[in-house]
């Protein structure tokens, strides 16, 4: 992404301070309760090519000191121009240099180990990944679901993402186990659909649970 194209940049938050704080609180709530589907306040215009949930979340999280990596389908889009204009963040080409990453499709997600895991002294300097998905739900009758355990979860939490295949989930969880094992280092992930988000902090242990077809609700 080079020159900023302002021709299709739409408005940001209606009330920047109020709206960004509201979304930030929702993001903290999601990270504090991994796997919980949290509704997002969407009080802003959404640019073309953007998942509304991801756009709003990043608008609240980014500022002029933030370095953002964009997946290929976003890098030259109206969404990229919009988030740079409203946050004044910097775009980086190397995932390892990013404070945040916006990934439009799981197929565009680099290996988690390619991002900055932080250090033992400064684990908070790791990359936070915002991944666009669709069909977030907590139904236990789906064929493949995620079972989450760890801090912020009383016993276990079920999560199903309709837009991800069983193979995609398996590949992601294989990488997540390595990420989880690096604690206190490691990346955190937000999964966002059009109006909700789910937090997956590095402290969360995730397993795949398979259900038989005849067990569906």
N, C-alpha and C. Protein backbone atom coordinates (compact mmCIF):
# COMPACT_ATOMS: atom_id res chain seq x y z
N UNK A 1 0.85 -1.19 0.00
CA UNK A 1 0.00 0.00 0.00
C UNK A 1 0.88 1.24 0.00
N UNK A 2 0.73 2.08 -1.01
CA UNK A 2 1.58 3.26 -1.12
C UNK A 2 0.78 4.53 -0.88
N UNK A 3 0.38 5.21 -1.95
CA UNK A 3 -0.37 6.45 -1.81
C UNK A 3 -1.77 6.19 -1.30
N UNK A 4 -2.22 7.00 -0.34
CA UNK A 4 -3.53 6.84 0.26
C UNK A 4 -4.59 7.40 -0.67
N UNK A 5 -5.55 6.57 -1.06
CA UNK A 5 -6.66 6.98 -1.93
C UNK A 5 -7.85 7.35 -1.06
N UNK A 6 -8.18 8.64 -1.04
CA UNK A 6 -9.26 9.13 -0.17
C UNK A 6 -10.60 9.21 -0.88
N UNK A 7 -10.66 8.82 -2.14
CA UNK A 7 -11.87 9.01 -2.93
C UNK A 7 -13.06 8.20 -2.41
N UNK A 8 -12.79 7.06 -1.75
CA UNK A 8 -13.90 6.23 -1.26
C UNK A 8 -13.85 6.04 0.25
N UNK A 9 -13.15 6.91 0.95
CA UNK A 9 -13.07 6.80 2.41
C UNK A 9 -14.36 7.32 3.03
N UNK A 10 -15.02 6.46 3.78
CA UNK A 10 -16.27 6.84 4.44
C UNK A 10 -15.97 7.25 5.88
N UNK A 11 -17.00 7.70 6.57
CA UNK A 11 -16.83 8.23 7.92
C UNK A 11 -16.40 7.14 8.90
N UNK A 12 -15.82 7.58 10.01
CA UNK A 12 -15.45 6.68 11.10
C UNK A 12 -16.52 6.70 12.18
N UNK A 13 -16.09 6.61 13.45
CA UNK A 13 -17.04 6.62 14.55
C UNK A 13 -17.82 7.94 14.58
N UNK A 14 -19.08 7.85 14.98
CA UNK A 14 -19.90 9.05 15.14
C UNK A 14 -19.36 9.91 16.27
N UNK A 15 -19.07 9.28 17.40
CA UNK A 15 -18.45 9.94 18.55
C UNK A 15 -17.19 9.14 18.87
N UNK A 16 -16.03 9.66 18.49
CA UNK A 16 -14.79 8.88 18.55
C UNK A 16 -14.50 8.39 19.96
N UNK A 17 -14.54 9.26 20.94
CA UNK A 17 -14.19 8.86 22.31
C UNK A 17 -15.18 7.84 22.85
N UNK A 18 -16.46 8.12 22.73
CA UNK A 18 -17.47 7.22 23.29
C UNK A 18 -17.48 5.88 22.57
N UNK A 19 -17.48 5.92 21.25
CA UNK A 19 -17.63 4.68 20.48
C UNK A 19 -16.39 3.80 20.57
N UNK A 20 -15.19 4.40 20.52
CA UNK A 20 -13.98 3.60 20.62
C UNK A 20 -13.86 2.96 22.00
N UNK A 21 -14.26 3.68 23.06
CA UNK A 21 -14.21 3.11 24.41
C UNK A 21 -15.19 1.96 24.55
N UNK A 22 -16.37 2.10 23.93
CA UNK A 22 -17.36 1.03 24.01
C UNK A 22 -16.84 -0.24 23.35
N UNK A 23 -16.26 -0.11 22.17
CA UNK A 23 -15.73 -1.27 21.46
C UNK A 23 -14.52 -1.85 22.21
N UNK A 24 -13.68 -0.99 22.74
CA UNK A 24 -12.52 -1.47 23.50
C UNK A 24 -12.96 -2.30 24.71
N UNK A 25 -14.01 -1.85 25.40
CA UNK A 25 -14.52 -2.62 26.53
C UNK A 25 -15.06 -3.97 26.08
N UNK A 26 -15.72 -4.00 24.92
CA UNK A 26 -16.22 -5.26 24.39
C UNK A 26 -15.08 -6.21 24.04
N UNK A 27 -14.00 -5.66 23.51
CA UNK A 27 -12.83 -6.48 23.18
C UNK A 27 -12.20 -7.05 24.44
N UNK A 28 -12.07 -6.24 25.49
CA UNK A 28 -11.52 -6.74 26.75
C UNK A 28 -12.41 -7.82 27.35
N UNK A 29 -13.72 -7.64 27.23
CA UNK A 29 -14.65 -8.64 27.75
C UNK A 29 -14.48 -9.96 26.99
N UNK A 30 -14.30 -9.88 25.70
CA UNK A 30 -14.12 -11.09 24.89
C UNK A 30 -12.82 -11.81 25.25
N UNK A 31 -11.74 -11.07 25.46
CA UNK A 31 -10.48 -11.70 25.85
C UNK A 31 -10.53 -12.27 27.26
N UNK A 32 -11.32 -11.66 28.12
CA UNK A 32 -11.43 -12.13 29.49
C UNK A 32 -12.31 -13.38 29.60
N UNK A 33 -13.14 -13.62 28.57
CA UNK A 33 -14.04 -14.78 28.55
C UNK A 33 -13.89 -15.48 27.20
N UNK A 34 -12.78 -16.21 27.02
CA UNK A 34 -12.48 -16.82 25.72
C UNK A 34 -13.63 -17.69 25.21
N UNK A 35 -13.94 -17.53 23.92
CA UNK A 35 -14.98 -18.32 23.30
C UNK A 35 -16.37 -17.73 23.42
N UNK A 36 -16.55 -16.75 24.29
CA UNK A 36 -17.84 -16.08 24.43
C UNK A 36 -18.08 -15.18 23.22
N UNK A 37 -19.26 -15.27 22.63
CA UNK A 37 -19.59 -14.43 21.48
C UNK A 37 -20.14 -13.11 21.99
N UNK A 38 -19.40 -12.04 21.73
CA UNK A 38 -19.71 -10.71 22.28
C UNK A 38 -20.25 -9.81 21.17
N UNK A 39 -21.44 -9.22 21.34
CA UNK A 39 -21.95 -8.28 20.34
C UNK A 39 -21.08 -7.03 20.27
N UNK A 40 -20.94 -6.49 19.07
CA UNK A 40 -20.15 -5.29 18.85
C UNK A 40 -21.04 -4.09 18.55
N UNK A 41 -20.68 -2.94 19.09
CA UNK A 41 -21.35 -1.69 18.74
C UNK A 41 -20.82 -1.23 17.38
N UNK A 42 -21.72 -1.05 16.42
CA UNK A 42 -21.29 -0.71 15.05
C UNK A 42 -21.73 0.70 14.68
N UNK A 43 -21.31 1.68 15.48
CA UNK A 43 -21.76 3.05 15.25
C UNK A 43 -20.77 3.82 14.38
N UNK A 44 -20.61 3.33 13.15
CA UNK A 44 -19.77 4.03 12.17
C UNK A 44 -20.09 3.50 10.78
N UNK A 45 -19.67 4.23 9.77
CA UNK A 45 -19.81 3.76 8.40
C UNK A 45 -18.80 2.64 8.17
N UNK A 46 -19.16 1.67 7.33
CA UNK A 46 -18.28 0.54 7.05
C UNK A 46 -17.77 0.65 5.61
N UNK A 47 -16.47 0.60 5.41
CA UNK A 47 -15.93 0.73 4.06
C UNK A 47 -16.19 -0.52 3.22
N UNK A 48 -16.12 -0.32 1.93
CA UNK A 48 -16.25 -1.44 1.00
C UNK A 48 -15.11 -2.44 1.24
N UNK A 49 -15.39 -3.72 1.02
CA UNK A 49 -14.44 -4.82 1.19
C UNK A 49 -14.12 -5.14 2.65
N UNK A 50 -14.84 -4.56 3.60
CA UNK A 50 -14.51 -4.78 5.01
C UNK A 50 -15.56 -5.61 5.72
N UNK A 51 -15.10 -6.53 6.54
CA UNK A 51 -15.98 -7.19 7.50
C UNK A 51 -16.31 -6.15 8.57
N UNK A 52 -17.59 -5.82 8.79
CA UNK A 52 -17.93 -4.75 9.73
C UNK A 52 -17.35 -4.95 11.12
N UNK A 53 -17.41 -6.18 11.64
CA UNK A 53 -16.89 -6.42 12.98
C UNK A 53 -15.41 -6.13 13.10
N UNK A 54 -14.64 -6.58 12.11
CA UNK A 54 -13.19 -6.34 12.12
C UNK A 54 -12.87 -4.86 11.97
N UNK A 55 -13.60 -4.20 11.08
CA UNK A 55 -13.35 -2.78 10.84
C UNK A 55 -13.56 -1.96 12.12
N UNK A 56 -14.66 -2.21 12.80
CA UNK A 56 -14.97 -1.47 14.01
C UNK A 56 -13.96 -1.79 15.12
N UNK A 57 -13.60 -3.04 15.25
CA UNK A 57 -12.63 -3.42 16.28
C UNK A 57 -11.29 -2.75 16.05
N UNK A 58 -10.80 -2.79 14.82
CA UNK A 58 -9.51 -2.17 14.53
C UNK A 58 -9.56 -0.65 14.68
N UNK A 59 -10.69 -0.06 14.34
CA UNK A 59 -10.83 1.38 14.50
C UNK A 59 -10.67 1.78 15.97
N UNK A 60 -11.11 0.91 16.87
CA UNK A 60 -10.97 1.18 18.31
C UNK A 60 -9.58 0.88 18.83
N UNK A 61 -8.89 -0.09 18.22
CA UNK A 61 -7.60 -0.54 18.77
C UNK A 61 -6.39 0.22 18.23
N UNK A 62 -6.48 0.69 17.00
CA UNK A 62 -5.30 1.27 16.34
C UNK A 62 -5.14 2.75 16.64
N UNK A 63 -3.88 3.18 16.63
CA UNK A 63 -3.57 4.61 16.72
C UNK A 63 -2.32 4.89 15.90
N UNK A 64 -1.79 6.08 16.03
CA UNK A 64 -0.66 6.49 15.20
C UNK A 64 0.61 5.70 15.49
N UNK A 65 0.70 5.05 16.63
CA UNK A 65 1.88 4.25 16.96
C UNK A 65 1.75 2.79 16.54
N UNK A 66 0.60 2.42 15.98
CA UNK A 66 0.34 1.02 15.65
C UNK A 66 0.88 0.66 14.27
N UNK A 67 1.40 -0.56 14.18
CA UNK A 67 1.85 -1.10 12.90
C UNK A 67 0.91 -2.24 12.51
N UNK A 68 0.33 -2.13 11.32
CA UNK A 68 -0.71 -3.06 10.87
C UNK A 68 -0.26 -3.84 9.65
N UNK A 69 -0.41 -5.17 9.70
CA UNK A 69 -0.20 -6.01 8.52
C UNK A 69 -1.54 -6.38 7.96
N UNK A 70 -1.69 -6.27 6.64
CA UNK A 70 -2.94 -6.57 5.95
C UNK A 70 -2.76 -7.80 5.08
N UNK A 71 -3.72 -8.71 5.11
CA UNK A 71 -3.66 -9.87 4.23
C UNK A 71 -3.85 -9.40 2.78
N UNK A 72 -3.41 -10.20 1.80
CA UNK A 72 -3.35 -9.74 0.40
C UNK A 72 -4.63 -9.13 -0.15
N UNK A 73 -5.78 -9.72 0.15
CA UNK A 73 -7.02 -9.19 -0.43
C UNK A 73 -7.45 -7.86 0.18
N UNK A 74 -6.84 -7.48 1.29
CA UNK A 74 -7.15 -6.21 1.93
C UNK A 74 -6.13 -5.13 1.63
N UNK A 75 -4.94 -5.50 1.20
CA UNK A 75 -3.82 -4.56 1.17
C UNK A 75 -4.02 -3.37 0.24
N UNK A 76 -4.79 -3.52 -0.82
CA UNK A 76 -5.03 -2.40 -1.75
C UNK A 76 -6.52 -2.07 -1.84
N UNK A 77 -7.23 -2.31 -0.78
CA UNK A 77 -8.69 -2.15 -0.79
C UNK A 77 -9.12 -0.82 -0.19
N UNK A 78 -10.41 -0.51 -0.36
CA UNK A 78 -10.98 0.67 0.29
C UNK A 78 -10.91 0.54 1.81
N UNK A 79 -10.99 -0.68 2.31
CA UNK A 79 -10.89 -0.91 3.76
C UNK A 79 -9.53 -0.48 4.29
N UNK A 80 -8.47 -0.78 3.53
CA UNK A 80 -7.13 -0.39 3.95
C UNK A 80 -6.99 1.13 4.01
N UNK A 81 -7.46 1.81 2.97
CA UNK A 81 -7.40 3.27 2.97
C UNK A 81 -8.18 3.86 4.14
N UNK A 82 -9.33 3.27 4.42
CA UNK A 82 -10.20 3.76 5.49
C UNK A 82 -9.53 3.65 6.85
N UNK A 83 -8.95 2.49 7.16
CA UNK A 83 -8.38 2.29 8.49
C UNK A 83 -7.11 3.13 8.67
N UNK A 84 -6.33 3.32 7.61
CA UNK A 84 -5.14 4.17 7.72
C UNK A 84 -5.54 5.63 7.91
N UNK A 85 -6.54 6.07 7.17
CA UNK A 85 -6.98 7.46 7.28
C UNK A 85 -7.50 7.78 8.68
N UNK A 86 -8.32 6.89 9.23
CA UNK A 86 -8.97 7.19 10.51
C UNK A 86 -8.09 6.89 11.72
N UNK A 87 -7.14 5.99 11.61
CA UNK A 87 -6.29 5.65 12.76
C UNK A 87 -4.89 6.24 12.67
N UNK A 88 -4.46 6.60 11.45
CA UNK A 88 -3.10 7.08 11.20
C UNK A 88 -2.05 6.01 11.51
N UNK A 89 -2.46 4.75 11.44
CA UNK A 89 -1.51 3.66 11.69
C UNK A 89 -0.56 3.50 10.51
N UNK A 90 0.50 2.74 10.71
CA UNK A 90 1.47 2.43 9.66
C UNK A 90 1.22 1.03 9.13
N UNK A 91 1.35 0.85 7.82
CA UNK A 91 1.22 -0.46 7.20
C UNK A 91 2.60 -1.08 7.04
N UNK A 92 2.75 -2.32 7.48
CA UNK A 92 4.03 -3.04 7.35
C UNK A 92 3.84 -4.22 6.42
N UNK A 93 4.92 -4.61 5.76
CA UNK A 93 4.88 -5.71 4.79
C UNK A 93 5.23 -7.06 5.42
N UNK A 94 5.94 -7.04 6.53
CA UNK A 94 6.39 -8.27 7.19
C UNK A 94 5.50 -8.56 8.39
N UNK A 95 4.84 -9.72 8.44
CA UNK A 95 3.98 -10.03 9.59
C UNK A 95 4.71 -9.93 10.93
N UNK A 96 6.00 -10.23 10.95
CA UNK A 96 6.75 -10.18 12.19
C UNK A 96 6.96 -8.78 12.73
N UNK A 97 6.70 -7.75 11.92
CA UNK A 97 6.86 -6.37 12.35
C UNK A 97 5.54 -5.76 12.86
N UNK A 98 4.47 -6.53 12.82
CA UNK A 98 3.14 -5.97 13.07
C UNK A 98 2.72 -6.04 14.53
N UNK A 99 2.09 -4.96 14.99
CA UNK A 99 1.41 -4.97 16.28
C UNK A 99 0.03 -5.63 16.13
N UNK A 100 -0.57 -5.40 14.97
CA UNK A 100 -1.88 -5.97 14.66
C UNK A 100 -1.86 -6.51 13.23
N UNK A 101 -2.69 -7.52 12.99
CA UNK A 101 -2.83 -8.07 11.64
C UNK A 101 -4.32 -8.20 11.34
N UNK A 102 -4.72 -7.78 10.15
CA UNK A 102 -6.11 -7.92 9.70
C UNK A 102 -6.11 -8.94 8.58
N UNK A 103 -6.80 -10.05 8.81
CA UNK A 103 -6.78 -11.17 7.87
C UNK A 103 -8.21 -11.43 7.38
N UNK A 104 -8.41 -11.28 6.07
CA UNK A 104 -9.75 -11.37 5.50
C UNK A 104 -10.25 -12.80 5.36
N UNK A 105 -9.34 -13.75 5.18
CA UNK A 105 -9.71 -15.16 5.02
C UNK A 105 -8.64 -16.01 5.70
N UNK A 106 -9.07 -17.11 6.28
CA UNK A 106 -8.10 -17.99 6.93
C UNK A 106 -7.04 -18.46 5.94
N UNK A 107 -7.40 -18.61 4.67
CA UNK A 107 -6.43 -19.05 3.66
C UNK A 107 -5.31 -18.03 3.47
N UNK A 108 -5.51 -16.79 3.91
CA UNK A 108 -4.50 -15.74 3.79
C UNK A 108 -3.68 -15.55 5.06
N UNK A 109 -3.98 -16.34 6.07
CA UNK A 109 -3.27 -16.20 7.34
C UNK A 109 -1.90 -16.86 7.26
N UNK A 110 -0.83 -16.10 7.47
CA UNK A 110 0.50 -16.73 7.54
C UNK A 110 0.58 -17.67 8.74
N UNK A 111 1.63 -18.44 8.81
CA UNK A 111 1.85 -19.27 9.98
C UNK A 111 1.91 -18.38 11.23
N UNK A 112 1.29 -18.82 12.31
CA UNK A 112 1.28 -18.01 13.52
C UNK A 112 2.68 -17.68 14.00
N UNK A 113 3.63 -18.59 13.75
CA UNK A 113 5.01 -18.35 14.18
C UNK A 113 5.69 -17.24 13.39
N UNK A 114 5.07 -16.79 12.28
CA UNK A 114 5.63 -15.69 11.50
C UNK A 114 5.36 -14.33 12.15
N UNK A 115 4.42 -14.28 13.09
CA UNK A 115 4.10 -13.03 13.77
C UNK A 115 4.98 -12.87 15.00
N UNK A 116 5.00 -11.67 15.55
CA UNK A 116 5.81 -11.37 16.72
C UNK A 116 5.18 -11.98 17.96
N UNK A 117 5.87 -12.91 18.65
CA UNK A 117 5.30 -13.52 19.85
C UNK A 117 5.56 -12.70 21.12
N UNK A 118 6.25 -11.56 20.98
CA UNK A 118 6.67 -10.82 22.16
C UNK A 118 7.89 -11.48 22.80
N UNK A 119 8.22 -11.06 23.98
CA UNK A 119 9.36 -11.63 24.73
C UNK A 119 8.88 -12.00 26.12
N UNK A 120 9.71 -12.76 26.83
CA UNK A 120 9.36 -13.10 28.20
C UNK A 120 9.21 -11.85 29.06
N UNK A 121 10.04 -10.84 28.78
CA UNK A 121 9.97 -9.59 29.54
C UNK A 121 8.81 -8.72 29.11
N UNK A 122 8.48 -8.74 27.81
CA UNK A 122 7.42 -7.88 27.27
C UNK A 122 6.47 -8.71 26.40
N UNK A 123 5.71 -9.61 26.98
CA UNK A 123 4.80 -10.44 26.19
C UNK A 123 3.66 -9.64 25.56
N UNK A 124 3.38 -8.46 26.13
CA UNK A 124 2.30 -7.62 25.60
C UNK A 124 2.67 -7.00 24.25
N UNK A 125 3.91 -7.14 23.82
CA UNK A 125 4.33 -6.58 22.53
C UNK A 125 4.12 -7.55 21.37
N UNK A 126 3.43 -8.63 21.61
CA UNK A 126 3.16 -9.59 20.54
C UNK A 126 2.09 -9.07 19.59
N UNK A 127 1.96 -9.73 18.46
CA UNK A 127 0.96 -9.36 17.46
C UNK A 127 -0.42 -9.83 17.89
N UNK A 128 -1.41 -8.97 17.70
CA UNK A 128 -2.81 -9.34 17.86
C UNK A 128 -3.42 -9.50 16.48
N UNK A 129 -4.02 -10.66 16.21
CA UNK A 129 -4.56 -10.98 14.90
C UNK A 129 -6.07 -10.83 14.92
N UNK A 130 -6.61 -10.12 13.94
CA UNK A 130 -8.05 -10.00 13.76
C UNK A 130 -8.41 -10.78 12.50
N UNK A 131 -9.15 -11.86 12.68
CA UNK A 131 -9.47 -12.78 11.59
C UNK A 131 -10.96 -12.71 11.25
N UNK A 132 -11.27 -12.40 10.00
CA UNK A 132 -12.65 -12.37 9.53
C UNK A 132 -13.19 -13.79 9.41
N UNK A 133 -14.36 -14.02 9.98
CA UNK A 133 -15.05 -15.30 9.84
C UNK A 133 -16.54 -15.01 9.67
N UNK A 134 -17.33 -16.06 9.53
CA UNK A 134 -18.79 -15.91 9.54
C UNK A 134 -19.39 -17.12 10.22
N UNK A 135 -20.60 -16.92 10.75
CA UNK A 135 -21.30 -18.03 11.37
C UNK A 135 -20.78 -18.43 12.72
N UNK A 136 -20.45 -17.47 13.58
CA UNK A 136 -20.04 -17.79 14.94
C UNK A 136 -21.25 -18.27 15.74
N UNK A 137 -21.14 -19.42 16.41
CA UNK A 137 -22.19 -19.85 17.31
C UNK A 137 -21.62 -20.81 18.34
N UNK A 138 -22.38 -21.08 19.37
CA UNK A 138 -21.93 -21.94 20.46
C UNK A 138 -22.74 -23.23 20.52
N UNK A 139 -23.39 -23.61 19.44
CA UNK A 139 -24.17 -24.83 19.43
C UNK A 139 -23.25 -26.04 19.57
N UNK A 140 -23.69 -27.03 20.34
CA UNK A 140 -22.87 -28.22 20.53
C UNK A 140 -23.28 -29.35 19.59
N UNK A 141 -24.25 -29.11 18.73
CA UNK A 141 -24.71 -30.17 17.84
C UNK A 141 -24.12 -30.11 16.46
N UNK A 142 -23.12 -29.28 16.26
CA UNK A 142 -22.48 -29.19 14.95
C UNK A 142 -21.43 -30.28 14.82
N UNK A 143 -21.07 -30.61 13.59
CA UNK A 143 -20.16 -31.73 13.36
C UNK A 143 -18.77 -31.50 13.95
N UNK A 144 -18.24 -30.29 13.77
CA UNK A 144 -16.91 -29.98 14.29
C UNK A 144 -16.98 -28.68 15.08
N UNK A 145 -16.54 -28.72 16.30
CA UNK A 145 -16.55 -27.53 17.15
C UNK A 145 -15.22 -27.44 17.88
N UNK A 146 -14.98 -26.28 18.44
CA UNK A 146 -13.81 -26.07 19.28
C UNK A 146 -14.24 -26.15 20.74
N UNK A 147 -13.46 -26.83 21.54
CA UNK A 147 -13.69 -26.86 22.97
C UNK A 147 -12.56 -26.11 23.64
N UNK A 148 -12.90 -25.03 24.33
CA UNK A 148 -11.93 -24.13 24.93
C UNK A 148 -11.90 -24.32 26.44
N UNK A 149 -10.70 -24.31 27.01
CA UNK A 149 -10.51 -24.39 28.45
C UNK A 149 -9.38 -23.44 28.85
N UNK A 150 -9.42 -22.98 30.07
CA UNK A 150 -8.34 -22.12 30.55
C UNK A 150 -8.88 -20.94 31.33
N UNK A 151 -8.02 -19.97 31.65
CA UNK A 151 -8.43 -18.79 32.42
C UNK A 151 -9.60 -18.08 31.76
N UNK A 152 -10.59 -17.70 32.58
CA UNK A 152 -11.77 -17.00 32.08
C UNK A 152 -12.90 -17.92 31.68
N UNK A 153 -12.66 -19.25 31.74
CA UNK A 153 -13.68 -20.23 31.37
C UNK A 153 -13.92 -21.11 32.59
N UNK A 154 -15.16 -21.20 33.05
CA UNK A 154 -15.45 -21.93 34.28
C UNK A 154 -15.14 -23.42 34.13
N UNK A 155 -15.67 -24.04 33.12
CA UNK A 155 -15.38 -25.45 32.87
C UNK A 155 -14.82 -25.61 31.45
N UNK A 156 -15.69 -25.47 30.47
CA UNK A 156 -15.28 -25.48 29.07
C UNK A 156 -16.26 -24.64 28.27
N UNK A 157 -15.84 -24.21 27.11
CA UNK A 157 -16.67 -23.37 26.24
C UNK A 157 -16.64 -23.95 24.83
N UNK A 158 -17.81 -24.14 24.26
CA UNK A 158 -17.92 -24.64 22.89
C UNK A 158 -18.00 -23.46 21.92
N UNK A 159 -17.36 -23.61 20.77
CA UNK A 159 -17.40 -22.58 19.74
C UNK A 159 -17.39 -23.26 18.37
N UNK A 160 -18.29 -22.82 17.51
CA UNK A 160 -18.33 -23.32 16.14
C UNK A 160 -18.27 -22.14 15.18
N UNK A 161 -17.48 -22.28 14.12
CA UNK A 161 -17.34 -21.24 13.10
C UNK A 161 -17.74 -21.85 11.76
N UNK A 162 -18.90 -21.47 11.26
CA UNK A 162 -19.45 -22.11 10.08
C UNK A 162 -18.59 -21.92 8.83
N UNK A 163 -17.87 -20.81 8.75
CA UNK A 163 -17.10 -20.52 7.54
C UNK A 163 -15.81 -21.32 7.45
N UNK A 164 -15.43 -22.03 8.51
CA UNK A 164 -14.20 -22.80 8.50
C UNK A 164 -14.49 -24.29 8.39
N UNK A 165 -13.77 -24.95 7.50
CA UNK A 165 -13.94 -26.38 7.32
C UNK A 165 -13.21 -27.13 8.44
N UNK A 166 -13.52 -28.41 8.56
CA UNK A 166 -12.84 -29.23 9.57
C UNK A 166 -11.34 -29.25 9.33
N UNK A 167 -10.92 -29.29 8.07
CA UNK A 167 -9.49 -29.29 7.75
C UNK A 167 -8.84 -27.97 8.14
N UNK A 168 -9.50 -26.86 7.85
CA UNK A 168 -8.96 -25.56 8.22
C UNK A 168 -8.83 -25.43 9.73
N UNK A 169 -9.83 -25.91 10.45
CA UNK A 169 -9.80 -25.84 11.90
C UNK A 169 -8.64 -26.67 12.44
N UNK A 170 -8.47 -27.87 11.89
CA UNK A 170 -7.39 -28.74 12.36
C UNK A 170 -6.03 -28.11 12.14
N UNK A 171 -5.83 -27.49 10.97
CA UNK A 171 -4.56 -26.83 10.68
C UNK A 171 -4.31 -25.67 11.65
N UNK A 172 -5.34 -24.89 11.90
CA UNK A 172 -5.20 -23.74 12.79
C UNK A 172 -4.90 -24.19 14.22
N UNK A 173 -5.59 -25.21 14.68
CA UNK A 173 -5.39 -25.67 16.06
C UNK A 173 -4.01 -26.28 16.24
N UNK A 174 -3.49 -26.94 15.21
CA UNK A 174 -2.13 -27.48 15.30
C UNK A 174 -1.13 -26.36 15.55
N UNK A 175 -1.32 -25.22 14.86
CA UNK A 175 -0.45 -24.07 15.09
C UNK A 175 -0.71 -23.43 16.45
N UNK A 176 -1.99 -23.44 16.85
CA UNK A 176 -2.35 -22.81 18.12
C UNK A 176 -1.69 -23.53 19.30
N UNK A 177 -1.57 -24.83 19.23
CA UNK A 177 -0.97 -25.58 20.33
C UNK A 177 0.48 -25.14 20.56
N UNK A 178 1.21 -24.90 19.48
CA UNK A 178 2.57 -24.39 19.61
C UNK A 178 2.55 -22.99 20.19
N UNK A 179 1.62 -22.16 19.72
CA UNK A 179 1.50 -20.80 20.24
C UNK A 179 1.18 -20.82 21.74
N UNK A 180 0.25 -21.67 22.13
CA UNK A 180 -0.16 -21.79 23.53
C UNK A 180 1.00 -22.24 24.41
N UNK A 181 1.85 -23.09 23.86
CA UNK A 181 2.96 -23.65 24.65
C UNK A 181 4.06 -22.62 24.92
N UNK A 182 4.05 -21.49 24.21
CA UNK A 182 5.10 -20.47 24.39
C UNK A 182 4.83 -19.51 25.55
N UNK A 183 3.66 -19.65 26.20
CA UNK A 183 3.27 -18.69 27.23
C UNK A 183 4.44 -18.42 28.19
N UNK A 184 4.70 -17.15 28.55
CA UNK A 184 3.84 -15.97 28.37
C UNK A 184 3.90 -15.32 27.00
N UNK A 185 4.80 -15.80 26.13
CA UNK A 185 4.84 -15.28 24.77
C UNK A 185 3.69 -15.88 23.95
N UNK A 186 3.46 -15.31 22.77
CA UNK A 186 2.45 -15.85 21.88
C UNK A 186 1.48 -14.79 21.39
N UNK A 187 0.85 -15.06 20.26
CA UNK A 187 -0.11 -14.13 19.69
C UNK A 187 -1.49 -14.36 20.30
N UNK A 188 -2.32 -13.34 20.24
CA UNK A 188 -3.74 -13.43 20.58
C UNK A 188 -4.55 -13.25 19.30
N UNK A 189 -5.73 -13.85 19.26
CA UNK A 189 -6.57 -13.76 18.07
C UNK A 189 -7.97 -13.28 18.46
N UNK A 190 -8.50 -12.35 17.67
CA UNK A 190 -9.92 -12.05 17.69
C UNK A 190 -10.52 -12.61 16.40
N UNK A 191 -11.60 -13.37 16.51
CA UNK A 191 -12.38 -13.77 15.35
C UNK A 191 -13.63 -12.89 15.32
N UNK A 192 -13.90 -12.31 14.17
CA UNK A 192 -15.01 -11.37 14.07
C UNK A 192 -15.89 -11.70 12.88
N UNK A 193 -17.22 -11.63 13.09
CA UNK A 193 -18.13 -11.71 11.96
C UNK A 193 -18.72 -10.33 11.75
N UNK A 194 -19.89 -10.23 11.16
CA UNK A 194 -20.42 -8.92 10.78
C UNK A 194 -20.80 -8.06 11.98
N UNK A 195 -21.05 -8.66 13.14
CA UNK A 195 -21.46 -7.84 14.29
C UNK A 195 -21.08 -8.43 15.64
N UNK A 196 -20.19 -9.43 15.65
CA UNK A 196 -19.78 -10.07 16.90
C UNK A 196 -18.28 -10.34 16.89
N UNK A 197 -17.72 -10.56 18.06
CA UNK A 197 -16.33 -10.98 18.14
C UNK A 197 -16.16 -12.04 19.21
N UNK A 198 -15.10 -12.84 19.04
CA UNK A 198 -14.69 -13.85 20.00
C UNK A 198 -13.21 -13.65 20.26
N UNK A 199 -12.81 -13.68 21.52
CA UNK A 199 -11.41 -13.54 21.87
C UNK A 199 -10.77 -14.89 22.13
N UNK A 200 -9.58 -15.09 21.58
CA UNK A 200 -8.78 -16.30 21.81
C UNK A 200 -7.40 -15.87 22.31
N UNK A 201 -7.27 -15.63 23.61
CA UNK A 201 -5.95 -15.26 24.15
C UNK A 201 -5.03 -16.47 24.16
N UNK A 202 -3.74 -16.21 24.20
CA UNK A 202 -2.73 -17.28 24.15
C UNK A 202 -2.82 -18.25 25.33
N UNK A 203 -3.49 -17.83 26.40
CA UNK A 203 -3.63 -18.68 27.58
C UNK A 203 -4.65 -19.79 27.40
N UNK A 204 -5.43 -19.74 26.32
CA UNK A 204 -6.53 -20.68 26.13
C UNK A 204 -6.06 -21.97 25.46
N UNK A 205 -6.46 -23.08 26.05
CA UNK A 205 -6.20 -24.39 25.46
C UNK A 205 -7.40 -24.75 24.58
N UNK A 206 -7.14 -25.14 23.34
CA UNK A 206 -8.23 -25.42 22.39
C UNK A 206 -8.08 -26.83 21.83
N UNK A 207 -9.17 -27.58 21.90
CA UNK A 207 -9.23 -28.92 21.33
C UNK A 207 -10.36 -28.96 20.30
N UNK A 208 -10.28 -29.91 19.39
CA UNK A 208 -11.34 -30.11 18.41
C UNK A 208 -12.28 -31.20 18.92
N UNK A 209 -13.58 -30.90 18.89
CA UNK A 209 -14.59 -31.87 19.28
C UNK A 209 -15.43 -32.19 18.05
N UNK A 210 -15.57 -33.46 17.75
CA UNK A 210 -16.36 -33.89 16.60
C UNK A 210 -17.66 -34.51 17.08
N UNK A 211 -18.75 -34.18 16.40
CA UNK A 211 -20.05 -34.71 16.71
C UNK A 211 -20.57 -35.51 15.52
N UNK A 212 -21.26 -36.57 15.79
CA UNK A 212 -21.84 -37.37 14.72
C UNK A 212 -23.04 -36.64 14.11
N UNK A 213 -23.31 -36.93 12.85
CA UNK A 213 -24.40 -36.28 12.13
C UNK A 213 -25.72 -36.40 12.88
N UNK A 214 -26.00 -37.57 13.47
CA UNK A 214 -27.30 -37.77 14.10
C UNK A 214 -27.40 -37.13 15.49
N UNK A 215 -26.33 -36.48 15.95
CA UNK A 215 -26.37 -35.78 17.22
C UNK A 215 -26.72 -34.30 17.07
N UNK A 216 -26.91 -33.87 15.84
CA UNK A 216 -27.20 -32.46 15.63
C UNK A 216 -28.54 -32.09 16.26
N UNK A 217 -28.59 -30.83 16.76
CA UNK A 217 -29.83 -30.35 17.39
C UNK A 217 -30.89 -30.12 16.33
